Amino acid sequence: MKMIMAIVHNEDAPELVEELNRQKFFVTKMASTGGFLKKGNTTLLTGVEDHLVEKVCEIIKQFSGRRRQLVFATTPSAGSLCSGVTSSVPVDMEVGGATIFVLSVEEFQKF
C-alpha cells in the first residue's frame, strides 16, 4: 500500500481531483503555501495499492501543467539609508507542475 502526496498549483487542482475521482481514486485535498514564492498550493493525498502508483502519477503529471509567470521577488535595497527597506524585482519564472511523494504505508484498521 502506498500514500501518494502531490503538491500542485491551485489552478490545476479542480480538474485533477475530478479526473482522479472519475477513475475511482479518492483524494483528500488540503490548502498549503509554498515556502519560496509564498503562493497558495493544493496538497492532495491518496492511498493506493502498489500496482496503481504509476497510473496515479501519470494522471497527476497530465493535469499539472508548467507555465511561465511574472513574479515579484522582494530584495533588500542596496545602499539604502533606512534599514529594512526592500524593493520588488520582477522575475520571469516557470511555475506549476507537481511535486509528488510516494510513501510506503502499512495496512490500517478503522476504529
N, C-alpha and C. Protein backbone atom coordinates (compact mmCIF):
# COMPACT_ATOMS: atom_id res chain seq x y z
N MET A 1 0.85 -1.17 0.00
CA MET A 1 0.00 0.00 0.00
C MET A 1 0.90 1.23 0.00
N LYS A 2 0.53 2.25 -0.78
CA LYS A 2 1.30 3.49 -0.87
C LYS A 2 0.39 4.69 -0.61
N MET A 3 0.99 5.72 -0.05
CA MET A 3 0.33 7.01 0.10
C MET A 3 1.02 7.95 -0.87
N ILE A 4 0.24 8.53 -1.78
CA ILE A 4 0.78 9.49 -2.72
C ILE A 4 0.40 10.88 -2.24
N MET A 5 1.41 11.71 -2.05
CA MET A 5 1.20 13.10 -1.66
C MET A 5 1.69 13.96 -2.82
N ALA A 6 0.78 14.73 -3.41
CA ALA A 6 1.12 15.56 -4.56
C ALA A 6 0.83 17.01 -4.24
N ILE A 7 1.80 17.87 -4.46
CA ILE A 7 1.64 19.31 -4.27
C ILE A 7 1.52 19.91 -5.66
N VAL A 8 0.36 20.54 -5.92
CA VAL A 8 0.08 21.07 -7.25
C VAL A 8 -0.35 22.53 -7.15
N HIS A 9 -0.31 23.22 -8.27
CA HIS A 9 -0.75 24.61 -8.35
C HIS A 9 -2.26 24.66 -8.13
N ASN A 10 -2.73 25.67 -7.41
CA ASN A 10 -4.17 25.80 -7.13
C ASN A 10 -5.02 25.75 -8.39
N GLU A 11 -4.53 26.33 -9.48
CA GLU A 11 -5.30 26.35 -10.73
C GLU A 11 -5.50 24.96 -11.31
N ASP A 12 -4.58 24.04 -11.03
CA ASP A 12 -4.65 22.70 -11.60
C ASP A 12 -5.50 21.74 -10.76
N ALA A 13 -5.71 22.06 -9.50
CA ALA A 13 -6.33 21.11 -8.57
C ALA A 13 -7.75 20.68 -8.93
N PRO A 14 -8.67 21.59 -9.29
CA PRO A 14 -10.05 21.13 -9.53
C PRO A 14 -10.18 20.05 -10.61
N GLU A 15 -9.56 20.27 -11.76
CA GLU A 15 -9.65 19.28 -12.84
C GLU A 15 -8.92 17.99 -12.47
N LEU A 16 -7.81 18.11 -11.76
CA LEU A 16 -7.05 16.93 -11.34
C LEU A 16 -7.87 16.08 -10.38
N VAL A 17 -8.47 16.70 -9.38
CA VAL A 17 -9.29 15.95 -8.42
C VAL A 17 -10.48 15.30 -9.13
N GLU A 18 -11.09 16.03 -10.04
CA GLU A 18 -12.22 15.49 -10.81
C GLU A 18 -11.80 14.25 -11.60
N GLU A 19 -10.64 14.30 -12.25
CA GLU A 19 -10.17 13.16 -13.03
C GLU A 19 -9.81 11.97 -12.13
N LEU A 20 -9.15 12.23 -11.03
CA LEU A 20 -8.81 11.14 -10.11
C LEU A 20 -10.09 10.47 -9.60
N ASN A 21 -11.08 11.28 -9.21
CA ASN A 21 -12.35 10.72 -8.75
C ASN A 21 -13.06 9.94 -9.85
N ARG A 22 -13.01 10.47 -11.08
CA ARG A 22 -13.64 9.80 -12.21
C ARG A 22 -13.04 8.41 -12.42
N GLN A 23 -11.74 8.29 -12.14
CA GLN A 23 -11.07 6.99 -12.31
C GLN A 23 -11.05 6.18 -11.01
N LYS A 24 -11.92 6.57 -10.06
CA LYS A 24 -12.15 5.82 -8.81
C LYS A 24 -11.01 5.92 -7.80
N PHE A 25 -10.24 7.02 -7.86
CA PHE A 25 -9.24 7.29 -6.83
C PHE A 25 -9.80 8.39 -5.95
N PHE A 26 -9.85 8.13 -4.66
CA PHE A 26 -10.42 9.10 -3.73
C PHE A 26 -9.29 9.90 -3.11
N VAL A 27 -9.52 11.20 -2.95
CA VAL A 27 -8.46 12.15 -2.63
C VAL A 27 -8.85 13.01 -1.45
N THR A 28 -7.88 13.26 -0.57
CA THR A 28 -8.03 14.28 0.46
C THR A 28 -7.30 15.52 -0.03
N LYS A 29 -7.97 16.65 -0.01
CA LYS A 29 -7.43 17.91 -0.55
C LYS A 29 -7.17 18.86 0.62
N MET A 30 -5.95 19.42 0.64
CA MET A 30 -5.57 20.37 1.69
C MET A 30 -4.96 21.62 1.08
N ALA A 31 -5.26 22.76 1.66
CA ALA A 31 -4.62 24.01 1.23
C ALA A 31 -3.21 24.05 1.82
N SER A 32 -2.25 24.54 1.05
CA SER A 32 -0.87 24.68 1.53
C SER A 32 -0.25 25.90 0.88
N THR A 33 0.86 26.34 1.42
CA THR A 33 1.56 27.52 0.90
C THR A 33 3.01 27.16 0.65
N GLY A 34 3.51 27.53 -0.53
CA GLY A 34 4.90 27.26 -0.86
C GLY A 34 5.86 28.14 -0.08
N GLY A 35 7.02 27.62 0.23
CA GLY A 35 8.00 28.35 1.01
C GLY A 35 8.77 29.39 0.23
N PHE A 36 8.97 29.17 -1.06
CA PHE A 36 9.80 30.08 -1.84
C PHE A 36 9.00 31.27 -2.36
N LEU A 37 7.92 31.00 -3.09
CA LEU A 37 7.14 32.08 -3.67
C LEU A 37 6.01 32.56 -2.76
N LYS A 38 5.79 31.84 -1.66
CA LYS A 38 4.72 32.19 -0.71
C LYS A 38 3.36 32.23 -1.39
N LYS A 39 3.15 31.36 -2.36
CA LYS A 39 1.90 31.28 -3.10
C LYS A 39 1.11 30.07 -2.64
N GLY A 40 -0.21 30.14 -2.82
CA GLY A 40 -1.07 29.03 -2.45
C GLY A 40 -0.90 27.84 -3.36
N ASN A 41 -0.89 26.67 -2.76
CA ASN A 41 -0.84 25.41 -3.47
C ASN A 41 -1.97 24.54 -2.95
N THR A 42 -2.14 23.40 -3.58
CA THR A 42 -3.05 22.39 -3.08
C THR A 42 -2.24 21.11 -2.89
N THR A 43 -2.38 20.50 -1.72
CA THR A 43 -1.73 19.23 -1.44
C THR A 43 -2.80 18.15 -1.46
N LEU A 44 -2.57 17.13 -2.28
CA LEU A 44 -3.52 16.03 -2.42
C LEU A 44 -2.92 14.76 -1.84
N LEU A 45 -3.73 14.03 -1.10
CA LEU A 45 -3.32 12.74 -0.53
C LEU A 45 -4.25 11.66 -1.03
N THR A 46 -3.68 10.55 -1.47
CA THR A 46 -4.49 9.40 -1.87
C THR A 46 -3.74 8.12 -1.54
N GLY A 47 -4.45 7.14 -1.04
CA GLY A 47 -3.87 5.84 -0.75
C GLY A 47 -4.22 4.87 -1.87
N VAL A 48 -3.22 4.16 -2.38
CA VAL A 48 -3.45 3.23 -3.49
C VAL A 48 -2.63 1.96 -3.28
N GLU A 49 -3.07 0.92 -3.96
CA GLU A 49 -2.29 -0.32 -3.99
C GLU A 49 -1.02 -0.06 -4.81
N ASP A 50 0.03 -0.80 -4.49
CA ASP A 50 1.33 -0.60 -5.13
C ASP A 50 1.26 -0.57 -6.67
N HIS A 51 0.47 -1.47 -7.25
CA HIS A 51 0.44 -1.57 -8.71
C HIS A 51 -0.28 -0.38 -9.38
N LEU A 52 -0.92 0.49 -8.61
CA LEU A 52 -1.62 1.65 -9.18
C LEU A 52 -0.84 2.96 -9.06
N VAL A 53 0.32 2.92 -8.46
CA VAL A 53 1.11 4.15 -8.24
C VAL A 53 1.43 4.84 -9.56
N GLU A 54 1.93 4.12 -10.54
CA GLU A 54 2.31 4.73 -11.82
C GLU A 54 1.10 5.37 -12.51
N LYS A 55 -0.03 4.71 -12.45
CA LYS A 55 -1.24 5.24 -13.08
C LYS A 55 -1.63 6.58 -12.45
N VAL A 56 -1.63 6.66 -11.12
CA VAL A 56 -1.97 7.90 -10.43
C VAL A 56 -0.95 8.99 -10.75
N CYS A 57 0.33 8.65 -10.74
CA CYS A 57 1.37 9.64 -11.05
C CYS A 57 1.22 10.18 -12.47
N GLU A 58 0.85 9.34 -13.41
CA GLU A 58 0.64 9.80 -14.79
C GLU A 58 -0.54 10.76 -14.88
N ILE A 59 -1.60 10.48 -14.15
CA ILE A 59 -2.76 11.39 -14.14
C ILE A 59 -2.34 12.74 -13.55
N ILE A 60 -1.59 12.71 -12.47
CA ILE A 60 -1.14 13.96 -11.83
C ILE A 60 -0.28 14.76 -12.81
N LYS A 61 0.65 14.10 -13.48
CA LYS A 61 1.51 14.79 -14.44
C LYS A 61 0.70 15.37 -15.59
N GLN A 62 -0.29 14.64 -16.06
CA GLN A 62 -1.11 15.08 -17.19
C GLN A 62 -1.90 16.35 -16.84
N PHE A 63 -2.35 16.48 -15.60
CA PHE A 63 -3.21 17.60 -15.22
C PHE A 63 -2.47 18.69 -14.44
N SER A 64 -1.16 18.61 -14.35
CA SER A 64 -0.38 19.60 -13.59
C SER A 64 0.61 20.28 -14.52
N GLY A 65 0.14 21.24 -15.28
CA GLY A 65 0.98 21.88 -16.29
C GLY A 65 1.93 22.92 -15.73
N ARG A 66 3.07 23.01 -16.36
CA ARG A 66 4.03 24.08 -16.04
C ARG A 66 3.67 25.29 -16.88
N ARG A 67 3.94 26.48 -16.34
CA ARG A 67 3.64 27.73 -17.05
C ARG A 67 4.66 28.78 -16.64
N ARG A 68 4.82 29.76 -17.51
CA ARG A 68 5.69 30.91 -17.20
C ARG A 68 4.83 31.96 -16.50
N GLN A 69 5.41 32.60 -15.48
CA GLN A 69 4.67 33.61 -14.74
C GLN A 69 5.64 34.68 -14.25
N LEU A 70 5.19 35.92 -14.30
CA LEU A 70 5.98 37.02 -13.77
C LEU A 70 5.69 37.13 -12.27
N VAL A 71 6.73 36.94 -11.46
CA VAL A 71 6.57 37.05 -10.01
C VAL A 71 7.47 38.18 -9.53
N PHE A 72 7.11 38.76 -8.41
CA PHE A 72 7.88 39.86 -7.86
C PHE A 72 8.64 39.39 -6.64
N ALA A 73 9.95 39.33 -6.77
CA ALA A 73 10.82 38.90 -5.68
C ALA A 73 11.21 40.12 -4.86
N THR A 74 11.11 39.99 -3.56
CA THR A 74 11.48 41.10 -2.67
C THR A 74 12.95 40.97 -2.30
N THR A 75 13.69 42.05 -2.50
CA THR A 75 15.12 42.06 -2.19
C THR A 75 15.45 43.29 -1.35
N PRO A 76 16.46 43.21 -0.49
CA PRO A 76 16.87 44.40 0.26
C PRO A 76 17.45 45.44 -0.70
N SER A 77 17.15 46.70 -0.46
CA SER A 77 17.68 47.78 -1.29
C SER A 77 19.13 48.06 -0.89
N ALA A 78 20.01 47.97 -1.86
CA ALA A 78 21.42 48.22 -1.61
C ALA A 78 21.66 49.71 -1.39
N GLY A 79 22.42 50.05 -0.40
CA GLY A 79 22.79 51.44 -0.16
C GLY A 79 21.67 52.29 0.43
N SER A 80 20.63 51.65 0.90
CA SER A 80 19.52 52.41 1.47
C SER A 80 19.92 53.00 2.82
N LEU A 81 19.49 54.22 3.09
CA LEU A 81 19.78 54.86 4.36
C LEU A 81 18.90 54.32 5.48
N CYS A 82 17.79 53.71 5.14
CA CYS A 82 16.86 53.17 6.14
C CYS A 82 16.99 51.66 6.17
N SER A 83 17.19 51.11 7.37
CA SER A 83 17.28 49.65 7.45
C SER A 83 15.90 49.05 7.22
N GLY A 84 15.88 47.87 6.66
CA GLY A 84 14.63 47.18 6.41
C GLY A 84 13.91 47.62 5.16
N VAL A 85 14.49 48.48 4.36
CA VAL A 85 13.86 48.91 3.12
C VAL A 85 14.10 47.84 2.05
N THR A 86 13.04 47.47 1.38
CA THR A 86 13.14 46.45 0.34
C THR A 86 12.56 46.97 -0.96
N SER A 87 12.87 46.30 -2.03
CA SER A 87 12.27 46.63 -3.32
C SER A 87 11.81 45.35 -3.98
N SER A 88 10.87 45.47 -4.89
CA SER A 88 10.37 44.32 -5.62
C SER A 88 10.97 44.30 -7.02
N VAL A 89 11.47 43.15 -7.41
CA VAL A 89 12.09 42.97 -8.71
C VAL A 89 11.27 41.94 -9.48
N PRO A 90 10.77 42.28 -10.69
CA PRO A 90 10.03 41.29 -11.46
C PRO A 90 10.96 40.20 -12.00
N VAL A 91 10.54 38.95 -11.82
CA VAL A 91 11.32 37.81 -12.29
C VAL A 91 10.39 36.89 -13.07
N ASP A 92 10.78 36.54 -14.30
CA ASP A 92 10.02 35.61 -15.12
C ASP A 92 10.44 34.20 -14.73
N MET A 93 9.50 33.41 -14.16
CA MET A 93 9.84 32.07 -13.68
C MET A 93 8.89 31.03 -14.24
N GLU A 94 9.35 29.80 -14.21
CA GLU A 94 8.48 28.68 -14.54
C GLU A 94 7.83 28.22 -13.23
N VAL A 95 6.50 28.14 -13.21
CA VAL A 95 5.77 27.69 -12.04
C VAL A 95 4.84 26.55 -12.45
N GLY A 96 4.20 25.94 -11.49
CA GLY A 96 3.28 24.86 -11.78
C GLY A 96 3.97 23.52 -11.74
N GLY A 97 3.38 22.58 -12.41
CA GLY A 97 3.89 21.21 -12.34
C GLY A 97 3.42 20.58 -11.04
N ALA A 98 4.04 19.52 -10.65
CA ALA A 98 3.67 18.83 -9.42
C ALA A 98 4.92 18.31 -8.73
N THR A 99 4.87 18.31 -7.41
CA THR A 99 5.88 17.63 -6.61
C THR A 99 5.16 16.43 -6.01
N ILE A 100 5.67 15.23 -6.30
CA ILE A 100 4.99 14.00 -5.90
C ILE A 100 5.89 13.20 -4.96
N PHE A 101 5.32 12.83 -3.82
CA PHE A 101 5.99 11.95 -2.86
C PHE A 101 5.20 10.65 -2.81
N VAL A 102 5.89 9.52 -2.86
CA VAL A 102 5.24 8.22 -2.73
C VAL A 102 5.80 7.58 -1.46
N LEU A 103 4.90 7.34 -0.51
CA LEU A 103 5.30 6.84 0.81
C LEU A 103 4.72 5.44 1.04
N SER A 104 5.52 4.57 1.60
CA SER A 104 5.02 3.25 1.96
C SER A 104 4.21 3.37 3.25
N VAL A 105 3.06 2.74 3.28
CA VAL A 105 2.23 2.74 4.49
C VAL A 105 1.82 1.31 4.80
N GLU A 106 1.52 1.08 6.05
CA GLU A 106 1.05 -0.23 6.46
C GLU A 106 -0.46 -0.24 6.41
N GLU A 107 -1.01 -1.41 6.25
CA GLU A 107 -2.47 -1.53 6.28
C GLU A 107 -2.96 -0.97 7.61
N PHE A 108 -4.14 -0.43 7.59
CA PHE A 108 -4.68 0.16 8.81
C PHE A 108 -6.05 -0.42 9.11
N GLN A 109 -6.46 -0.24 10.34
CA GLN A 109 -7.78 -0.68 10.74
C GLN A 109 -8.59 0.53 11.14
N LYS A 110 -9.85 0.55 10.76
CA LYS A 110 -10.74 1.62 11.18
C LYS A 110 -11.25 1.31 12.57
N PHE A 111 -11.29 2.31 13.40
CA PHE A 111 -11.79 2.14 14.78
C PHE A 111 -13.13 2.78 14.93
